[in-house]
Amino acid sequence: MSTTPRLDTLAASGTNRVFERVRLADGHTLTLKIQAGSATAEEVFLFDGLDAPETEAWENQDDWEIWLTGGSLDDGPLYLEVPVQAVRALIEEHGGEHAEQDRRTYRVTVEADSREDAEARYLADGVEVASETDSTSVESVTQDQQ
C-alpha cells in the first residue's frame, strides 16, 4: 500500500495549473503544481517548518517569485522542477501522507505579549470550535518576531 496516494493521484491526473495541497502525517504541509503524467513537479511550496533535503533535486529554489507575488520569504520556500520521486521521499520521511487530506488547515495570527500568553488565552485546550459540526485542532504555534 502506498504511503503517498494523494501525490500519486496528483502526479497521474495533474493539478490543472493550480497548487494542490498535500498534508503530511506529522502535520506539515506542501503544495505543488504538476502536469498530468509528468515525472517532475513544476513548483513545490514547503510551508513553514518543512525543510527540503539538501540534495540536487531540491536545488532550484525561487524565493523571488514568492516575494514578487506579495508573499513573505518567511512563509516558506518555493522549489522549481522537483522530481516526483524526491517529493515522495520527503513525504515518506515525514511518515507518509495524513489520513485526512480534505480537512481544512488555517494559519491564524493572534496578538499577544508572549507565546505563553497566546497559548493561555487562545489555545487553552488546543482545540477551537469553529461550529457544531467542524472543529480545528492546533498542531503548532509560532511566534512572529518584530
N, C-alpha and C. Protein backbone atom coordinates (compact mmCIF):
# COMPACT_ATOMS: atom_id res chain seq x y z
N MET A 1 0.84 -1.18 0.00
CA MET A 1 0.00 0.00 0.00
C MET A 1 0.89 1.25 0.00
N SER A 2 0.59 2.18 -0.86
CA SER A 2 1.38 3.40 -0.99
C SER A 2 1.17 4.33 0.20
N THR A 3 2.26 4.98 0.62
CA THR A 3 2.15 5.99 1.68
C THR A 3 1.91 7.37 1.08
N THR A 4 1.78 7.42 -0.26
CA THR A 4 1.58 8.70 -0.94
C THR A 4 0.44 8.64 -1.96
N PRO A 5 -0.74 8.20 -1.56
CA PRO A 5 -1.83 8.08 -2.53
C PRO A 5 -2.26 9.42 -3.14
N ARG A 6 -2.25 10.49 -2.36
CA ARG A 6 -2.64 11.79 -2.91
C ARG A 6 -1.62 12.25 -3.94
N LEU A 7 -0.35 12.16 -3.61
CA LEU A 7 0.70 12.53 -4.56
C LEU A 7 0.58 11.69 -5.83
N ASP A 8 0.33 10.39 -5.68
CA ASP A 8 0.20 9.51 -6.83
C ASP A 8 -0.94 9.98 -7.74
N THR A 9 -2.06 10.35 -7.13
CA THR A 9 -3.22 10.82 -7.90
C THR A 9 -2.91 12.14 -8.60
N LEU A 10 -2.29 13.06 -7.89
CA LEU A 10 -1.96 14.36 -8.48
C LEU A 10 -0.96 14.20 -9.62
N ALA A 11 0.03 13.32 -9.45
CA ALA A 11 1.03 13.10 -10.49
C ALA A 11 0.38 12.47 -11.73
N ALA A 12 -0.58 11.61 -11.53
CA ALA A 12 -1.24 10.95 -12.66
C ALA A 12 -2.20 11.88 -13.40
N SER A 13 -2.97 12.68 -12.63
CA SER A 13 -4.02 13.49 -13.26
C SER A 13 -3.64 14.96 -13.45
N GLY A 14 -2.59 15.41 -12.79
CA GLY A 14 -2.18 16.81 -12.88
C GLY A 14 -2.98 17.69 -11.94
N THR A 15 -2.58 18.94 -11.83
CA THR A 15 -3.24 19.88 -10.91
C THR A 15 -3.91 21.03 -11.64
N ASN A 16 -4.01 20.94 -12.97
CA ASN A 16 -4.70 21.97 -13.75
C ASN A 16 -4.11 23.36 -13.54
N ARG A 17 -2.79 23.43 -13.44
CA ARG A 17 -2.03 24.68 -13.30
C ARG A 17 -2.30 25.46 -12.01
N VAL A 18 -2.84 24.79 -11.00
CA VAL A 18 -3.04 25.42 -9.70
C VAL A 18 -2.31 24.59 -8.65
N PHE A 19 -2.01 25.22 -7.53
CA PHE A 19 -1.37 24.49 -6.43
C PHE A 19 -2.39 23.58 -5.75
N GLU A 20 -2.01 22.35 -5.50
CA GLU A 20 -2.82 21.40 -4.73
C GLU A 20 -2.03 21.04 -3.48
N ARG A 21 -2.76 20.93 -2.37
CA ARG A 21 -2.14 20.70 -1.07
C ARG A 21 -2.00 19.22 -0.77
N VAL A 22 -0.91 18.88 -0.09
CA VAL A 22 -0.70 17.54 0.44
C VAL A 22 -0.31 17.69 1.90
N ARG A 23 -1.15 17.13 2.78
CA ARG A 23 -0.86 17.14 4.22
C ARG A 23 -0.03 15.92 4.57
N LEU A 24 1.01 16.11 5.36
CA LEU A 24 1.87 15.02 5.77
C LEU A 24 1.41 14.47 7.11
N ALA A 25 1.76 13.24 7.38
CA ALA A 25 1.31 12.55 8.60
C ALA A 25 1.71 13.30 9.87
N ASP A 26 2.84 14.00 9.85
CA ASP A 26 3.30 14.70 11.05
C ASP A 26 2.76 16.13 11.16
N GLY A 27 1.82 16.50 10.27
CA GLY A 27 1.19 17.82 10.37
C GLY A 27 1.75 18.87 9.43
N HIS A 28 2.88 18.61 8.81
CA HIS A 28 3.44 19.56 7.85
C HIS A 28 2.61 19.55 6.57
N THR A 29 2.81 20.58 5.75
CA THR A 29 2.05 20.72 4.51
C THR A 29 2.95 21.21 3.38
N LEU A 30 2.67 20.69 2.19
CA LEU A 30 3.30 21.22 0.99
C LEU A 30 2.22 21.37 -0.07
N THR A 31 2.48 22.22 -1.04
CA THR A 31 1.60 22.33 -2.19
C THR A 31 2.46 22.16 -3.43
N LEU A 32 1.82 21.72 -4.50
CA LEU A 32 2.57 21.54 -5.73
C LEU A 32 1.70 21.75 -6.96
N LYS A 33 2.38 22.08 -8.06
CA LYS A 33 1.77 22.15 -9.38
C LYS A 33 2.48 21.12 -10.23
N ILE A 34 1.68 20.33 -10.97
CA ILE A 34 2.28 19.29 -11.81
C ILE A 34 1.37 19.02 -13.01
N GLN A 35 1.97 18.73 -14.14
CA GLN A 35 1.23 18.35 -15.34
C GLN A 35 0.91 16.85 -15.27
N ALA A 36 -0.21 16.44 -15.82
CA ALA A 36 -0.63 15.04 -15.82
C ALA A 36 0.47 14.14 -16.40
N GLY A 37 0.82 13.11 -15.65
CA GLY A 37 1.79 12.12 -16.11
C GLY A 37 3.24 12.55 -16.06
N SER A 38 3.52 13.74 -15.58
CA SER A 38 4.89 14.23 -15.53
C SER A 38 5.67 13.58 -14.38
N ALA A 39 6.94 13.37 -14.60
CA ALA A 39 7.81 12.84 -13.55
C ALA A 39 8.41 13.96 -12.71
N THR A 40 8.07 15.22 -13.06
CA THR A 40 8.62 16.38 -12.37
C THR A 40 7.51 17.36 -12.01
N ALA A 41 7.48 17.78 -10.75
CA ALA A 41 6.54 18.82 -10.33
C ALA A 41 7.12 20.17 -10.76
N GLU A 42 6.28 20.98 -11.40
CA GLU A 42 6.74 22.29 -11.87
C GLU A 42 7.16 23.17 -10.70
N GLU A 43 6.32 23.19 -9.65
CA GLU A 43 6.58 24.01 -8.47
C GLU A 43 6.16 23.24 -7.23
N VAL A 44 6.97 23.35 -6.19
CA VAL A 44 6.65 22.75 -4.89
C VAL A 44 6.90 23.81 -3.83
N PHE A 45 5.87 24.11 -3.05
CA PHE A 45 5.98 25.09 -1.97
C PHE A 45 5.95 24.35 -0.64
N LEU A 46 6.95 24.58 0.20
CA LEU A 46 7.02 23.95 1.51
C LEU A 46 6.60 24.96 2.57
N PHE A 47 5.55 24.64 3.30
CA PHE A 47 5.07 25.54 4.33
C PHE A 47 6.04 25.56 5.51
N ASP A 48 5.90 26.61 6.32
CA ASP A 48 6.76 26.86 7.47
C ASP A 48 6.99 25.59 8.28
N GLY A 49 8.25 25.30 8.56
CA GLY A 49 8.60 24.15 9.39
C GLY A 49 8.99 22.92 8.59
N LEU A 50 8.71 22.90 7.31
CA LEU A 50 9.06 21.77 6.46
C LEU A 50 10.29 22.15 5.64
N ASP A 51 11.35 21.41 5.81
CA ASP A 51 12.60 21.72 5.12
C ASP A 51 12.90 20.70 4.05
N ALA A 52 13.40 21.16 2.94
CA ALA A 52 13.81 20.28 1.84
C ALA A 52 15.16 19.66 2.17
N PRO A 53 15.35 18.43 1.76
CA PRO A 53 16.68 17.82 1.92
C PRO A 53 17.71 18.57 1.10
N GLU A 54 18.93 18.52 1.53
CA GLU A 54 20.00 19.19 0.78
C GLU A 54 20.52 18.25 -0.29
N THR A 55 19.68 18.09 -1.33
CA THR A 55 20.04 17.24 -2.46
C THR A 55 19.87 18.03 -3.74
N GLU A 56 20.41 17.50 -4.81
CA GLU A 56 20.34 18.17 -6.11
C GLU A 56 18.90 18.37 -6.56
N ALA A 57 18.01 17.46 -6.19
CA ALA A 57 16.60 17.54 -6.60
C ALA A 57 15.92 18.80 -6.07
N TRP A 58 16.42 19.34 -4.96
CA TRP A 58 15.79 20.49 -4.31
C TRP A 58 16.62 21.76 -4.45
N GLU A 59 17.55 21.81 -5.39
CA GLU A 59 18.44 22.96 -5.53
C GLU A 59 17.79 24.17 -6.18
N ASN A 60 16.80 23.97 -7.02
CA ASN A 60 16.23 25.06 -7.81
C ASN A 60 15.18 25.82 -6.99
N GLN A 61 15.63 26.63 -6.06
CA GLN A 61 14.75 27.39 -5.16
C GLN A 61 14.47 28.77 -5.74
N ASP A 62 13.21 29.21 -5.65
CA ASP A 62 12.83 30.50 -6.22
C ASP A 62 12.15 31.38 -5.16
N ASP A 63 12.94 32.04 -4.34
CA ASP A 63 12.40 32.94 -3.32
C ASP A 63 11.83 34.20 -3.94
N TRP A 64 12.35 34.63 -5.07
CA TRP A 64 11.89 35.87 -5.70
C TRP A 64 10.43 35.79 -6.10
N GLU A 65 9.98 34.64 -6.60
CA GLU A 65 8.58 34.51 -7.02
C GLU A 65 7.64 34.75 -5.85
N ILE A 66 7.96 34.22 -4.69
CA ILE A 66 7.12 34.43 -3.51
C ILE A 66 7.07 35.92 -3.16
N TRP A 67 8.23 36.54 -3.14
CA TRP A 67 8.31 37.95 -2.77
C TRP A 67 7.58 38.83 -3.80
N LEU A 68 7.77 38.55 -5.08
CA LEU A 68 7.16 39.36 -6.13
C LEU A 68 5.64 39.24 -6.18
N THR A 69 5.10 38.12 -5.69
CA THR A 69 3.65 37.92 -5.71
C THR A 69 3.01 38.29 -4.38
N GLY A 70 3.73 39.02 -3.54
CA GLY A 70 3.14 39.53 -2.31
C GLY A 70 3.29 38.63 -1.11
N GLY A 71 3.96 37.50 -1.25
CA GLY A 71 4.17 36.60 -0.12
C GLY A 71 5.36 37.04 0.70
N SER A 72 5.59 36.32 1.77
CA SER A 72 6.71 36.61 2.64
C SER A 72 7.73 35.49 2.51
N LEU A 73 9.00 35.83 2.50
CA LEU A 73 10.03 34.81 2.46
C LEU A 73 10.00 33.94 3.70
N ASP A 74 9.35 34.42 4.76
CA ASP A 74 9.21 33.63 5.98
C ASP A 74 8.13 32.56 5.85
N ASP A 75 7.27 32.66 4.83
CA ASP A 75 6.18 31.70 4.66
C ASP A 75 6.67 30.34 4.23
N GLY A 76 7.79 30.27 3.59
CA GLY A 76 8.33 29.02 3.13
C GLY A 76 8.94 29.16 1.75
N PRO A 77 9.78 28.21 1.36
CA PRO A 77 10.45 28.29 0.07
C PRO A 77 9.64 27.64 -1.06
N LEU A 78 9.89 28.11 -2.27
CA LEU A 78 9.28 27.58 -3.48
C LEU A 78 10.40 26.93 -4.29
N TYR A 79 10.20 25.68 -4.68
CA TYR A 79 11.18 24.96 -5.47
C TYR A 79 10.61 24.67 -6.85
N LEU A 80 11.46 24.76 -7.86
CA LEU A 80 11.05 24.55 -9.24
C LEU A 80 11.62 23.24 -9.78
N GLU A 81 10.83 22.57 -10.63
CA GLU A 81 11.27 21.36 -11.32
C GLU A 81 11.83 20.29 -10.37
N VAL A 82 10.99 19.87 -9.43
CA VAL A 82 11.39 18.86 -8.45
C VAL A 82 10.86 17.50 -8.91
N PRO A 83 11.73 16.51 -9.02
CA PRO A 83 11.26 15.17 -9.41
C PRO A 83 10.22 14.64 -8.42
N VAL A 84 9.19 13.99 -8.95
CA VAL A 84 8.13 13.43 -8.11
C VAL A 84 8.73 12.46 -7.10
N GLN A 85 9.75 11.72 -7.50
CA GLN A 85 10.39 10.78 -6.57
C GLN A 85 10.98 11.51 -5.37
N ALA A 86 11.51 12.71 -5.57
CA ALA A 86 12.08 13.48 -4.46
C ALA A 86 10.97 13.99 -3.54
N VAL A 87 9.84 14.39 -4.12
CA VAL A 87 8.69 14.82 -3.31
C VAL A 87 8.18 13.63 -2.51
N ARG A 88 8.08 12.47 -3.16
CA ARG A 88 7.63 11.25 -2.48
C ARG A 88 8.56 10.90 -1.31
N ALA A 89 9.87 11.00 -1.54
CA ALA A 89 10.84 10.69 -0.48
C ALA A 89 10.67 11.64 0.71
N LEU A 90 10.43 12.93 0.43
CA LEU A 90 10.22 13.90 1.51
C LEU A 90 8.96 13.54 2.30
N ILE A 91 7.90 13.20 1.61
CA ILE A 91 6.64 12.83 2.28
C ILE A 91 6.85 11.59 3.14
N GLU A 92 7.51 10.58 2.59
CA GLU A 92 7.76 9.35 3.35
C GLU A 92 8.66 9.59 4.55
N GLU A 93 9.58 10.54 4.42
CA GLU A 93 10.47 10.91 5.53
C GLU A 93 9.66 11.46 6.71
N HIS A 94 8.49 12.00 6.43
CA HIS A 94 7.64 12.58 7.47
C HIS A 94 6.47 11.67 7.81
N GLY A 95 6.61 10.38 7.54
CA GLY A 95 5.61 9.40 7.94
C GLY A 95 4.52 9.14 6.91
N GLY A 96 4.70 9.63 5.70
CA GLY A 96 3.68 9.45 4.67
C GLY A 96 2.68 10.59 4.70
N GLU A 97 1.57 10.38 4.01
CA GLU A 97 0.53 11.39 3.95
C GLU A 97 -0.44 11.24 5.12
N HIS A 98 -1.01 12.36 5.53
CA HIS A 98 -2.02 12.37 6.58
C HIS A 98 -3.27 11.68 6.06
N ALA A 99 -3.97 10.97 6.92
CA ALA A 99 -5.18 10.24 6.51
C ALA A 99 -6.29 11.19 6.07
N GLU A 100 -6.33 12.39 6.63
CA GLU A 100 -7.39 13.35 6.32
C GLU A 100 -6.85 14.44 5.40
N GLN A 101 -6.83 14.18 4.12
CA GLN A 101 -6.34 15.17 3.15
C GLN A 101 -7.32 16.30 2.93
N ASP A 102 -8.60 16.05 3.09
CA ASP A 102 -9.61 17.07 2.80
C ASP A 102 -9.88 18.02 3.96
N ARG A 103 -9.35 17.73 5.12
CA ARG A 103 -9.57 18.60 6.27
C ARG A 103 -8.88 19.93 6.05
N ARG A 104 -9.58 21.00 6.27
CA ARG A 104 -9.02 22.33 6.06
C ARG A 104 -7.99 22.67 7.13
N THR A 105 -6.95 23.39 6.72
CA THR A 105 -5.97 23.89 7.67
C THR A 105 -5.96 25.41 7.56
N TYR A 106 -5.67 26.06 8.65
CA TYR A 106 -5.71 27.51 8.70
C TYR A 106 -4.44 28.03 9.34
N ARG A 107 -4.02 29.18 8.89
CA ARG A 107 -2.92 29.89 9.55
C ARG A 107 -3.58 31.08 10.25
N VAL A 108 -3.48 31.11 11.57
CA VAL A 108 -4.15 32.13 12.35
C VAL A 108 -3.09 32.98 13.06
N THR A 109 -3.28 34.26 13.04
CA THR A 109 -2.37 35.17 13.75
C THR A 109 -3.13 35.77 14.92
N VAL A 110 -2.54 35.68 16.11
CA VAL A 110 -3.15 36.28 17.29
C VAL A 110 -2.15 37.27 17.87
N GLU A 111 -2.67 38.31 18.50
CA GLU A 111 -1.80 39.28 19.14
C GLU A 111 -1.71 38.95 20.62
N ALA A 112 -0.48 38.82 21.09
CA ALA A 112 -0.24 38.52 22.49
C ALA A 112 1.14 39.03 22.85
N ASP A 113 1.39 39.17 24.13
CA ASP A 113 2.68 39.67 24.59
C ASP A 113 3.78 38.60 24.53
N SER A 114 3.38 37.33 24.58
CA SER A 114 4.35 36.25 24.55
C SER A 114 3.67 34.99 24.01
N ARG A 115 4.48 34.02 23.68
CA ARG A 115 3.95 32.73 23.23
C ARG A 115 3.06 32.12 24.31
N GLU A 116 3.51 32.20 25.55
CA GLU A 116 2.75 31.63 26.65
C GLU A 116 1.38 32.31 26.80
N ASP A 117 1.38 33.64 26.63
CA ASP A 117 0.13 34.40 26.70
C ASP A 117 -0.82 33.96 25.59
N ALA A 118 -0.30 33.79 24.38
CA ALA A 118 -1.14 33.36 23.25
C ALA A 118 -1.72 31.98 23.51
N GLU A 119 -0.87 31.08 24.00
CA GLU A 119 -1.35 29.73 24.27
C GLU A 119 -2.39 29.72 25.39
N ALA A 120 -2.16 30.50 26.43
CA ALA A 120 -3.08 30.53 27.56
C ALA A 120 -4.42 31.15 27.19
N ARG A 121 -4.39 32.21 26.40
CA ARG A 121 -5.62 32.92 26.07
C ARG A 121 -6.39 32.31 24.91
N TYR A 122 -5.67 31.81 23.93
CA TYR A 122 -6.34 31.37 22.70
C TYR A 122 -6.32 29.87 22.48
N LEU A 123 -5.39 29.17 23.10
CA LEU A 123 -5.22 27.75 22.80
C LEU A 123 -5.22 26.91 24.08
N ALA A 124 -6.07 27.26 25.00
CA ALA A 124 -6.03 26.62 26.31
C ALA A 124 -6.11 25.11 26.23
N ASP A 125 -6.99 24.55 25.41
CA ASP A 125 -7.09 23.10 25.32
C ASP A 125 -6.60 22.57 23.97
N GLY A 126 -6.03 23.44 23.14
CA GLY A 126 -5.52 23.02 21.85
C GLY A 126 -6.58 22.86 20.78
N VAL A 127 -7.85 23.08 21.14
CA VAL A 127 -8.93 22.93 20.17
C VAL A 127 -9.83 24.15 20.20
N GLU A 128 -10.08 24.72 19.06
CA GLU A 128 -11.01 25.82 18.93
C GLU A 128 -12.20 25.32 18.13
N VAL A 129 -13.38 25.48 18.64
CA VAL A 129 -14.56 25.00 17.94
C VAL A 129 -15.01 26.05 16.93
N ALA A 130 -15.10 25.64 15.65
CA ALA A 130 -15.50 26.56 14.60
C ALA A 130 -17.01 26.54 14.41
N SER A 131 -17.64 25.43 14.64
CA SER A 131 -19.08 25.28 14.56
C SER A 131 -19.45 24.00 15.27
N GLU A 132 -20.72 23.69 15.29
CA GLU A 132 -21.13 22.45 15.95
C GLU A 132 -20.68 21.22 15.18
N THR A 133 -20.42 21.36 13.89
CA THR A 133 -20.06 20.20 13.09
C THR A 133 -18.60 20.19 12.67
N ASP A 134 -17.88 21.27 12.90
CA ASP A 134 -16.50 21.35 12.45
C ASP A 134 -15.65 21.94 13.56
N SER A 135 -14.51 21.33 13.82
CA SER A 135 -13.59 21.90 14.79
C SER A 135 -12.19 21.86 14.19
N THR A 136 -11.35 22.70 14.68
CA THR A 136 -9.97 22.72 14.22
C THR A 136 -9.08 22.45 15.41
N SER A 137 -8.02 21.72 15.18
CA SER A 137 -7.07 21.49 16.26
C SER A 137 -5.78 22.24 15.95
N VAL A 138 -5.09 22.62 16.98
CA VAL A 138 -3.84 23.37 16.82
C VAL A 138 -2.70 22.37 16.81
N GLU A 139 -1.96 22.36 15.71
CA GLU A 139 -0.85 21.44 15.58
C GLU A 139 0.47 22.08 15.97
N SER A 140 0.58 23.39 15.80
CA SER A 140 1.80 24.08 16.20
C SER A 140 1.52 25.57 16.37
N VAL A 141 2.39 26.20 17.13
CA VAL A 141 2.29 27.64 17.36
C VAL A 141 3.65 28.24 17.07
N THR A 142 3.68 29.29 16.29
CA THR A 142 4.93 30.01 16.08
C THR A 142 4.70 31.47 16.45
N GLN A 143 5.72 32.09 16.95
CA GLN A 143 5.62 33.49 17.34
C GLN A 143 6.43 34.33 16.39
N ASP A 144 5.77 35.31 15.76
CA ASP A 144 6.48 36.23 14.88
C ASP A 144 7.32 37.16 15.71
N GLN A 145 8.55 37.35 15.29
CA GLN A 145 9.45 38.29 15.97
C GLN A 145 9.35 39.64 15.30
N GLN A 146 9.14 40.69 16.06
CA GLN A 146 9.03 42.02 15.45
C GLN A 146 10.12 42.93 15.95
